[in-house]
Amino acid sequence: MKITADTGNRKGVPMYILKGHTDPAWGMAFSPDGQTLATCSRDGTVRLWQTNSGAPQRILKHADIVWDVAFSPDRQTLAASMTNNGTVQLWQVASGESLHVLEAFSSVGPVAFSLDGQTLASGSYEGFVQLWHVTDGHLMRTLKNRSGAVMSLAFSPDGQILASGLEDDTILLWHVTDDKPPVVLQGAADSVWSVAFSPNGQILASGSADRTVRLWQVDGPPCIH
């Protein structure tokens, strides 16, 4: 592991270059307090770094490629999805202890916590989204997408809506507490790799492989910019 620090104030120069993964790093997430950065990689590890110094905190080893990571809102739990073996592992951040191994589908991509930290969503390349109870790890609900792999997930701030960006160029808005069919947002010309809600939950941003970022009204006319 190597840390390169830059102490100057030059614009565009990184504070730290964090080196340690032996394969490409595919996902990363800051803890809610901004003190820890989690990175995951094809090398089967999740690495935790101190953001104020760049120093490594912990290495969490997995049996498969790790595609995505997410912190719970209270920073106590870290979720890591494994692409090929179809599992999501929940870790206790402070101790590095494994809390639960969630048996999902044959391939798992994005993961996202609800704002209250009680629910974890995981998306699969088979087109499913699964909702898990974080405390005991049981499966609460499975949502079936129309088609296409799930590339991105995000909960609205109130936890009532889950947005899923799909490989087939669409975004689905699910009402997680009922069985209503999802609202379908169309307009992108390629896979939707990222989705994020505004703090008030009224606007959804999406990033697509078609080189566009789109802003959508959650209630009202869809694409606004």
C-alpha atoms as a PDB file:
ATOM      1  CA  MET A   1       0.000   0.000   0.000  1.00  0.00           C
ATOM      2  CA  LYS A   2       1.312   3.418  -0.947  1.00  0.00           C
ATOM      3  CA  ILE A   3       0.059   6.890  -0.030  1.00  0.00           C
ATOM      4  CA  THR A   4       1.267   9.922  -1.944  1.00  0.00           C
ATOM      5  CA  ALA A   5       0.424  13.253  -0.329  1.00  0.00           C
ATOM      6  CA  ASP A   6       0.402  16.741  -1.787  1.00  0.00           C
ATOM      7  CA  THR A   7       0.552  19.592   0.715  1.00  0.00           C
ATOM      8  CA  GLY A   8       0.196  22.475  -1.727  1.00  0.00           C
ATOM      9  CA  ASN A   9      -2.892  24.382  -2.738  1.00  0.00           C
ATOM     10  CA  ARG A  10      -2.586  23.946  -6.476  1.00  0.00           C
ATOM     11  CA  LYS A  11      -5.911  23.592  -8.186  1.00  0.00           C
ATOM     12  CA  GLY A  12      -6.624  20.106  -9.503  1.00  0.00           C
ATOM     13  CA  VAL A  13      -3.826  18.380  -7.557  1.00  0.00           C
ATOM     14  CA  PRO A  14      -5.022  15.418  -5.449  1.00  0.00           C
ATOM     15  CA  MET A  15      -4.515  15.497  -1.692  1.00  0.00           C
ATOM     16  CA  TYR A  16      -3.740  11.779  -1.588  1.00  0.00           C
ATOM     17  CA  ILE A  17      -3.286   8.964  -4.066  1.00  0.00           C
ATOM     18  CA  LEU A  18      -4.440   5.749  -2.404  1.00  0.00           C
ATOM     19  CA  LYS A  19      -2.799   2.611  -3.732  1.00  0.00           C
ATOM     20  CA  GLY A  20      -3.395  -0.921  -2.521  1.00  0.00           C
ATOM     21  CA  HIS A  21      -5.895  -2.702  -4.760  1.00  0.00           C
ATOM     22  CA  THR A  22      -4.289  -5.157  -7.174  1.00  0.00           C
ATOM     23  CA  ASP A  23      -7.114  -4.879  -9.717  1.00  0.00           C
ATOM     24  CA  PRO A  24      -9.349  -2.000 -10.852  1.00  0.00           C
ATOM     25  CA  ALA A  25     -11.401  -0.307  -8.124  1.00  0.00           C
ATOM     26  CA  TRP A  26     -15.020  -0.351  -9.288  1.00  0.00           C
ATOM     27  CA  GLY A  27     -16.930   1.312  -6.489  1.00  0.00           C
ATOM     28  CA  MET A  28     -16.468   3.661  -3.563  1.00  0.00           C
ATOM     29  CA  ALA A  29     -18.474   5.403  -0.869  1.00  0.00           C
ATOM     30  CA  PHE A  30     -17.842   7.998   1.834  1.00  0.00           C
ATOM     31  CA  SER A  31     -19.175   7.355   5.319  1.00  0.00           C
ATOM     32  CA  PRO A  32     -21.913   9.844   6.326  1.00  0.00           C
ATOM     33  CA  ASP A  33     -19.517  11.684   8.648  1.00  0.00           C
ATOM     34  CA  GLY A  34     -16.921  11.989   5.870  1.00  0.00           C
ATOM     35  CA  GLN A  35     -14.206  10.373   7.991  1.00  0.00           C
ATOM     36  CA  THR A  36     -13.898   7.097   6.067  1.00  0.00           C
ATOM     37  CA  LEU A  37     -13.733   6.150   2.397  1.00  0.00           C
ATOM     38  CA  ALA A  38     -14.588   2.594   1.336  1.00  0.00           C
ATOM     39  CA  THR A  39     -13.306   1.278  -2.004  1.00  0.00           C
ATOM     40  CA  CYS A  40     -14.010  -2.080  -3.642  1.00  0.00           C
ATOM     41  CA  SER A  41     -12.296  -3.936  -6.427  1.00  0.00           C
ATOM     42  CA  ARG A  42     -12.056  -6.881  -8.766  1.00  0.00           C
ATOM     43  CA  ASP A  43      -9.351  -8.163  -6.404  1.00  0.00           C
ATOM     44  CA  GLY A  44     -12.033  -9.328  -3.958  1.00  0.00           C
ATOM     45  CA  THR A  45     -11.348  -6.784  -1.230  1.00  0.00           C
ATOM     46  CA  VAL A  46     -12.991  -3.761   0.340  1.00  0.00           C
ATOM     47  CA  ARG A  47     -10.525  -1.247   1.769  1.00  0.00           C
ATOM     48  CA  LEU A  48     -11.329   1.421   4.335  1.00  0.00           C
ATOM     49  CA  TRP A  49      -9.257   4.636   4.368  1.00  0.00           C
ATOM     50  CA  GLN A  50      -9.033   7.607   6.727  1.00  0.00           C
ATOM     51  CA  THR A  51      -9.960  10.644   4.662  1.00  0.00           C
ATOM     52  CA  ASN A  52      -8.032  13.172   6.753  1.00  0.00           C
ATOM     53  CA  SER A  53      -4.701  11.381   6.273  1.00  0.00           C
ATOM     54  CA  GLY A  54      -5.190   8.787   3.550  1.00  0.00           C
ATOM     55  CA  ALA A  55      -4.051   6.063   5.963  1.00  0.00           C
ATOM     56  CA  PRO A  56      -5.572   2.568   5.593  1.00  0.00           C
ATOM     57  CA  GLN A  57      -7.984   1.477   8.333  1.00  0.00           C
ATOM     58  CA  ARG A  58      -9.022  -2.043   7.409  1.00  0.00           C
ATOM     59  CA  ILE A  59      -9.114  -4.611   4.600  1.00  0.00           C
ATOM     60  CA  LEU A  60     -12.269  -6.735   4.274  1.00  0.00           C
ATOM     61  CA  LYS A  61     -11.652  -9.842   2.177  1.00  0.00           C
ATOM     62  CA  HIS A  62     -14.312 -11.427  -0.001  1.00  0.00           C
ATOM     63  CA  ALA A  63     -14.474 -14.576  -2.085  1.00  0.00           C
ATOM     64  CA  ASP A  64     -15.456 -12.805  -5.290  1.00  0.00           C
ATOM     65  CA  ILE A  65     -15.275  -9.586  -7.288  1.00  0.00           C
ATOM     66  CA  VAL A  66     -16.806  -6.726  -5.268  1.00  0.00           C
ATOM     67  CA  TRP A  67     -18.905  -4.434  -7.451  1.00  0.00           C
ATOM     68  CA  ASP A  68     -20.370  -1.842  -5.081  1.00  0.00           C
ATOM     69  CA  VAL A  69     -20.247  -0.629  -1.470  1.00  0.00           C
ATOM     70  CA  ALA A  70     -22.578   1.498   0.666  1.00  0.00           C
ATOM     71  CA  PHE A  71     -22.506   2.813   4.234  1.00  0.00           C
ATOM     72  CA  SER A  72     -25.571   2.793   6.442  1.00  0.00           C
ATOM     73  CA  PRO A  73     -26.655   6.307   7.523  1.00  0.00           C
ATOM     74  CA  ASP A  74     -25.322   5.727  11.053  1.00  0.00           C
ATOM     75  CA  ARG A  75     -21.949   4.622   9.623  1.00  0.00           C
ATOM     76  CA  GLN A  76     -22.074   1.399  11.638  1.00  0.00           C
ATOM     77  CA  THR A  77     -22.710  -1.014   8.752  1.00  0.00           C
ATOM     78  CA  LEU A  78     -21.107  -1.446   5.346  1.00  0.00           C
ATOM     79  CA  ALA A  79     -22.759  -3.390   2.524  1.00  0.00           C
ATOM     80  CA  ALA A  80     -20.642  -4.971  -0.232  1.00  0.00           C
ATOM     81  CA  SER A  81     -22.106  -6.696  -3.297  1.00  0.00           C
ATOM     82  CA  MET A  82     -20.369  -9.574  -5.035  1.00  0.00           C
ATOM     83  CA  THR A  83     -20.877  -9.715  -8.774  1.00  0.00           C
ATOM     84  CA  ASN A  84     -20.571 -13.399  -9.566  1.00  0.00           C
ATOM     85  CA  ASN A  85     -21.537 -15.405  -6.485  1.00  0.00           C
ATOM     86  CA  GLY A  86     -24.839 -13.604  -5.963  1.00  0.00           C
ATOM     87  CA  THR A  87     -24.379 -12.396  -2.394  1.00  0.00           C
ATOM     88  CA  VAL A  88     -24.338  -9.158  -0.444  1.00  0.00           C
ATOM     89  CA  GLN A  89     -22.240  -9.062   2.718  1.00  0.00           C
ATOM     90  CA  LEU A  90     -22.972  -6.756   5.650  1.00  0.00           C
ATOM     91  CA  TRP A  91     -19.999  -5.772   7.806  1.00  0.00           C
ATOM     92  CA  GLN A  92     -19.718  -4.009  11.135  1.00  0.00           C
ATOM     93  CA  VAL A  93     -17.442  -1.086  10.323  1.00  0.00           C
ATOM     94  CA  ALA A  94     -15.828  -0.654  13.751  1.00  0.00           C
ATOM     95  CA  SER A  95     -14.756  -4.275  14.215  1.00  0.00           C
ATOM     96  CA  GLY A  96     -14.688  -5.692  10.689  1.00  0.00           C
ATOM     97  CA  GLU A  97     -17.039  -8.457  11.829  1.00  0.00           C
ATOM     98  CA  SER A  98     -19.322 -10.051   9.228  1.00  0.00           C
ATOM     99  CA  LEU A  99     -22.958  -9.495  10.258  1.00  0.00           C
ATOM    100  CA  HIS A 100     -24.951 -11.158   7.475  1.00  0.00           C
ATOM    101  CA  VAL A 101     -24.431 -12.766   4.097  1.00  0.00           C
ATOM    102  CA  LEU A 102     -27.531 -12.116   1.970  1.00  0.00           C
ATOM    103  CA  GLU A 103     -28.193 -14.775  -0.677  1.00  0.00           C
ATOM    104  CA  ALA A 104     -29.425 -12.740  -3.627  1.00  0.00           C
ATOM    105  CA  PHE A 105     -29.277 -13.678  -7.326  1.00  0.00           C
ATOM    106  CA  SER A 106     -26.466 -15.117  -9.428  1.00  0.00           C
ATOM    107  CA  SER A 107     -25.024 -11.650 -10.039  1.00  0.00           C
ATOM    108  CA  VAL A 108     -25.413  -8.570  -7.850  1.00  0.00           C
ATOM    109  CA  GLY A 109     -24.584  -5.003  -8.839  1.00  0.00           C
ATOM    110  CA  PRO A 110     -25.588  -1.820  -6.988  1.00  0.00           C
ATOM    111  CA  VAL A 111     -26.594  -1.561  -3.319  1.00  0.00           C
ATOM    112  CA  ALA A 112     -28.270   1.313  -1.447  1.00  0.00           C
ATOM    113  CA  PHE A 113     -29.471   1.945   2.117  1.00  0.00           C
ATOM    114  CA  SER A 114     -32.691   3.743   2.959  1.00  0.00           C
ATOM    115  CA  LEU A 115     -32.209   6.952   4.936  1.00  0.00           C
ATOM    116  CA  ASP A 116     -33.426   5.350   8.184  1.00  0.00           C
ATOM    117  CA  GLY A 117     -30.910   2.526   7.718  1.00  0.00           C
ATOM    118  CA  GLN A 118     -33.548  -0.190   8.139  1.00  0.00           C
ATOM    119  CA  THR A 119     -33.696  -1.334   4.510  1.00  0.00           C
ATOM    120  CA  LEU A 120     -31.011  -2.307   2.017  1.00  0.00           C
ATOM    121  CA  ALA A 121     -31.780  -2.533  -1.699  1.00  0.00           C
ATOM    122  CA  SER A 122     -29.692  -4.698  -4.023  1.00  0.00           C
ATOM    123  CA  GLY A 123     -29.968  -4.864  -7.807  1.00  0.00           C
ATOM    124  CA  SER A 124     -29.133  -7.811 -10.042  1.00  0.00           C
ATOM    125  CA  TYR A 125     -28.149  -8.238 -13.665  1.00  0.00           C
ATOM    126  CA  GLU A 126     -31.189 -10.491 -14.071  1.00  0.00           C
ATOM    127  CA  GLY A 127     -33.397  -7.426 -13.663  1.00  0.00           C
ATOM    128  CA  PHE A 128     -34.513  -7.888 -10.042  1.00  0.00           C
ATOM    129  CA  VAL A 129     -34.345  -5.530  -7.080  1.00  0.00           C
ATOM    130  CA  GLN A 130     -34.459  -7.078  -3.621  1.00  0.00           C
ATOM    131  CA  LEU A 131     -35.266  -5.276  -0.371  1.00  0.00           C
ATOM    132  CA  TRP A 132     -33.622  -6.624   2.788  1.00  0.00           C
ATOM    133  CA  HIS A 133     -34.181  -5.950   6.483  1.00  0.00           C
ATOM    134  CA  VAL A 134     -30.774  -4.813   7.721  1.00  0.00           C
ATOM    135  CA  THR A 135     -31.086  -5.916  11.367  1.00  0.00           C
ATOM    136  CA  ASP A 136     -31.745  -9.608  10.750  1.00  0.00           C
ATOM    137  CA  GLY A 137     -30.933  -9.942   7.026  1.00  0.00           C
ATOM    138  CA  HIS A 138     -34.261 -11.377   5.925  1.00  0.00           C
ATOM    139  CA  LEU A 139     -35.672 -10.716   2.450  1.00  0.00           C
ATOM    140  CA  MET A 140     -38.641  -8.351   2.626  1.00  0.00           C
ATOM    141  CA  ARG A 141     -39.634  -8.010  -1.014  1.00  0.00           C
ATOM    142  CA  THR A 142     -38.515  -8.669  -4.593  1.00  0.00           C
ATOM    143  CA  LEU A 143     -39.257  -6.137  -7.350  1.00  0.00           C
ATOM    144  CA  LYS A 144     -39.156  -7.342 -10.958  1.00  0.00           C
ATOM    145  CA  ASN A 145     -37.959  -4.868 -13.558  1.00  0.00           C
ATOM    146  CA  ARG A 146     -39.392  -4.897 -17.053  1.00  0.00           C
ATOM    147  CA  SER A 147     -36.110  -5.914 -18.654  1.00  0.00           C
ATOM    148  CA  GLY A 148     -32.426  -5.197 -18.482  1.00  0.00           C
ATOM    149  CA  ALA A 149     -29.829  -5.350 -15.750  1.00  0.00           C
ATOM    150  CA  VAL A 150     -30.061  -2.998 -12.770  1.00  0.00           C
ATOM    151  CA  MET A 151     -27.144  -0.562 -13.014  1.00  0.00           C
ATOM    152  CA  SER A 152     -27.921   1.929 -10.212  1.00  0.00           C
ATOM    153  CA  LEU A 153     -30.158   2.421  -7.166  1.00  0.00           C
ATOM    154  CA  ALA A 154     -31.157   5.305  -4.887  1.00  0.00           C
ATOM    155  CA  PHE A 155     -33.768   5.820  -2.165  1.00  0.00           C
ATOM    156  CA  SER A 156     -35.676   9.076  -1.870  1.00  0.00           C
ATOM    157  CA  PRO A 157     -34.977  10.979   1.380  1.00  0.00           C
ATOM    158  CA  ASP A 158     -38.318   9.892   2.886  1.00  0.00           C
ATOM    159  CA  GLY A 159     -37.646   6.256   1.964  1.00  0.00           C
ATOM    160  CA  GLN A 160     -40.930   5.925   0.072  1.00  0.00           C
ATOM    161  CA  ILE A 161     -39.511   5.747  -3.456  1.00  0.00           C
ATOM    162  CA  LEU A 162     -36.685   3.644  -4.852  1.00  0.00           C
ATOM    163  CA  ALA A 163     -35.189   4.655  -8.207  1.00  0.00           C
ATOM    164  CA  SER A 164     -33.506   1.988 -10.317  1.00  0.00           C
ATOM    165  CA  GLY A 165     -31.497   2.820 -13.434  1.00  0.00           C
ATOM    166  CA  LEU A 166     -31.516   0.064 -16.023  1.00  0.00           C
ATOM    167  CA  GLU A 167     -29.351  -1.204 -18.825  1.00  0.00           C
ATOM    168  CA  ASP A 168     -32.305  -0.821 -21.221  1.00  0.00           C
ATOM    169  CA  ASP A 169     -32.128   3.021 -21.006  1.00  0.00           C
ATOM    170  CA  THR A 170     -35.025   3.469 -18.570  1.00  0.00           C
ATOM    171  CA  ILE A 171     -35.491   4.479 -14.930  1.00  0.00           C
ATOM    172  CA  LEU A 172     -38.137   2.902 -12.715  1.00  0.00           C
ATOM    173  CA  LEU A 173     -39.587   4.648  -9.652  1.00  0.00           C
ATOM    174  CA  TRP A 174     -40.917   2.092  -7.171  1.00  0.00           C
ATOM    175  CA  HIS A 175     -43.242   2.842  -4.243  1.00  0.00           C
ATOM    176  CA  VAL A 176     -41.585   0.513  -1.765  1.00  0.00           C
ATOM    177  CA  THR A 177     -44.544   0.230   0.648  1.00  0.00           C
ATOM    178  CA  ASP A 178     -47.175  -0.916  -1.841  1.00  0.00           C
ATOM    179  CA  ASP A 179     -47.638  -3.097  -4.926  1.00  0.00           C
ATOM    180  CA  LYS A 180     -48.266  -0.343  -7.441  1.00  0.00           C
ATOM    181  CA  PRO A 181     -46.462  -0.756 -10.776  1.00  0.00           C
ATOM    182  CA  PRO A 182     -43.419   1.490 -11.067  1.00  0.00           C
ATOM    183  CA  VAL A 183     -43.386   4.849 -12.825  1.00  0.00           C
ATOM    184  CA  VAL A 184     -41.256   4.553 -15.974  1.00  0.00           C
ATOM    185  CA  LEU A 185     -38.961   7.437 -16.977  1.00  0.00           C
ATOM    186  CA  GLN A 186     -37.736   7.294 -20.559  1.00  0.00           C
ATOM    187  CA  GLY A 187     -35.432   9.605 -22.467  1.00  0.00           C
ATOM    188  CA  ALA A 188     -31.876   8.327 -22.095  1.00  0.00           C
ATOM    189  CA  ALA A 189     -30.328   6.664 -25.128  1.00  0.00           C
ATOM    190  CA  ASP A 190     -28.099   4.206 -23.272  1.00  0.00           C
ATOM    191  CA  SER A 191     -27.639   2.449 -19.928  1.00  0.00           C
ATOM    192  CA  VAL A 192     -28.400   4.524 -16.805  1.00  0.00           C
ATOM    193  CA  TRP A 193     -25.297   4.122 -14.632  1.00  0.00           C
ATOM    194  CA  SER A 194     -26.187   6.466 -11.778  1.00  0.00           C
ATOM    195  CA  VAL A 195     -29.242   7.955 -10.064  1.00  0.00           C
ATOM    196  CA  ALA A 196     -29.451  10.408  -7.131  1.00  0.00           C
ATOM    197  CA  PHE A 197     -32.270  12.300  -5.410  1.00  0.00           C
ATOM    198  CA  SER A 198     -32.103  15.952  -4.401  1.00  0.00           C
ATOM    199  CA  PRO A 199     -32.271  16.560  -0.611  1.00  0.00           C
ATOM    200  CA  ASN A 200     -35.976  17.456  -0.804  1.00  0.00           C
ATOM    201  CA  GLY A 201     -36.756  14.377  -2.909  1.00  0.00           C
ATOM    202  CA  GLN A 202     -38.435  16.373  -5.677  1.00  0.00           C
ATOM    203  CA  ILE A 203     -35.716  16.035  -8.320  1.00  0.00           C
ATOM    204  CA  LEU A 204     -33.939  12.910  -9.559  1.00  0.00           C
ATOM    205  CA  ALA A 205     -30.635  13.179 -11.427  1.00  0.00           C
ATOM    206  CA  SER A 206     -29.518  10.403 -13.751  1.00  0.00           C
ATOM    207  CA  GLY A 207     -26.234   9.768 -15.537  1.00  0.00           C
ATOM    208  CA  SER A 208     -26.216   7.685 -18.698  1.00  0.00           C
ATOM    209  CA  ALA A 209     -23.706   6.070 -21.021  1.00  0.00           C
ATOM    210  CA  ASP A 210     -25.168   8.344 -23.719  1.00  0.00           C
ATOM    211  CA  ARG A 211     -23.030  11.148 -22.163  1.00  0.00           C
ATOM    212  CA  THR A 212     -25.975  13.011 -20.687  1.00  0.00           C
ATOM    213  CA  VAL A 213     -27.044  13.964 -17.179  1.00  0.00           C
ATOM    214  CA  ARG A 214     -30.802  14.417 -16.928  1.00  0.00           C
ATOM    215  CA  LEU A 215     -32.929  16.023 -14.216  1.00  0.00           C
ATOM    216  CA  TRP A 216     -36.384  14.586 -13.645  1.00  0.00           C
ATOM    217  CA  GLN A 217     -39.328  15.852 -11.605  1.00  0.00           C
ATOM    218  CA  VAL A 218     -40.484  13.038  -9.358  1.00  0.00           C
ATOM    219  CA  ASP A 219     -44.058  14.396  -9.292  1.00  0.00           C
ATOM    220  CA  GLY A 220     -45.025  16.165 -12.481  1.00  0.00           C
ATOM    221  CA  PRO A 221     -43.687  16.407 -16.038  1.00  0.00           C
ATOM    222  CA  PRO A 222     -40.743  14.005 -16.272  1.00  0.00           C
ATOM    223  CA  CYS A 223     -37.503  15.289 -17.806  1.00  0.00           C
ATOM    224  CA  ILE A 224     -36.962  18.989 -17.083  1.00  0.00           C
ATOM    225  CA  HIS A 225     -33.306  19.454 -18.159  1.00  0.00           C
END
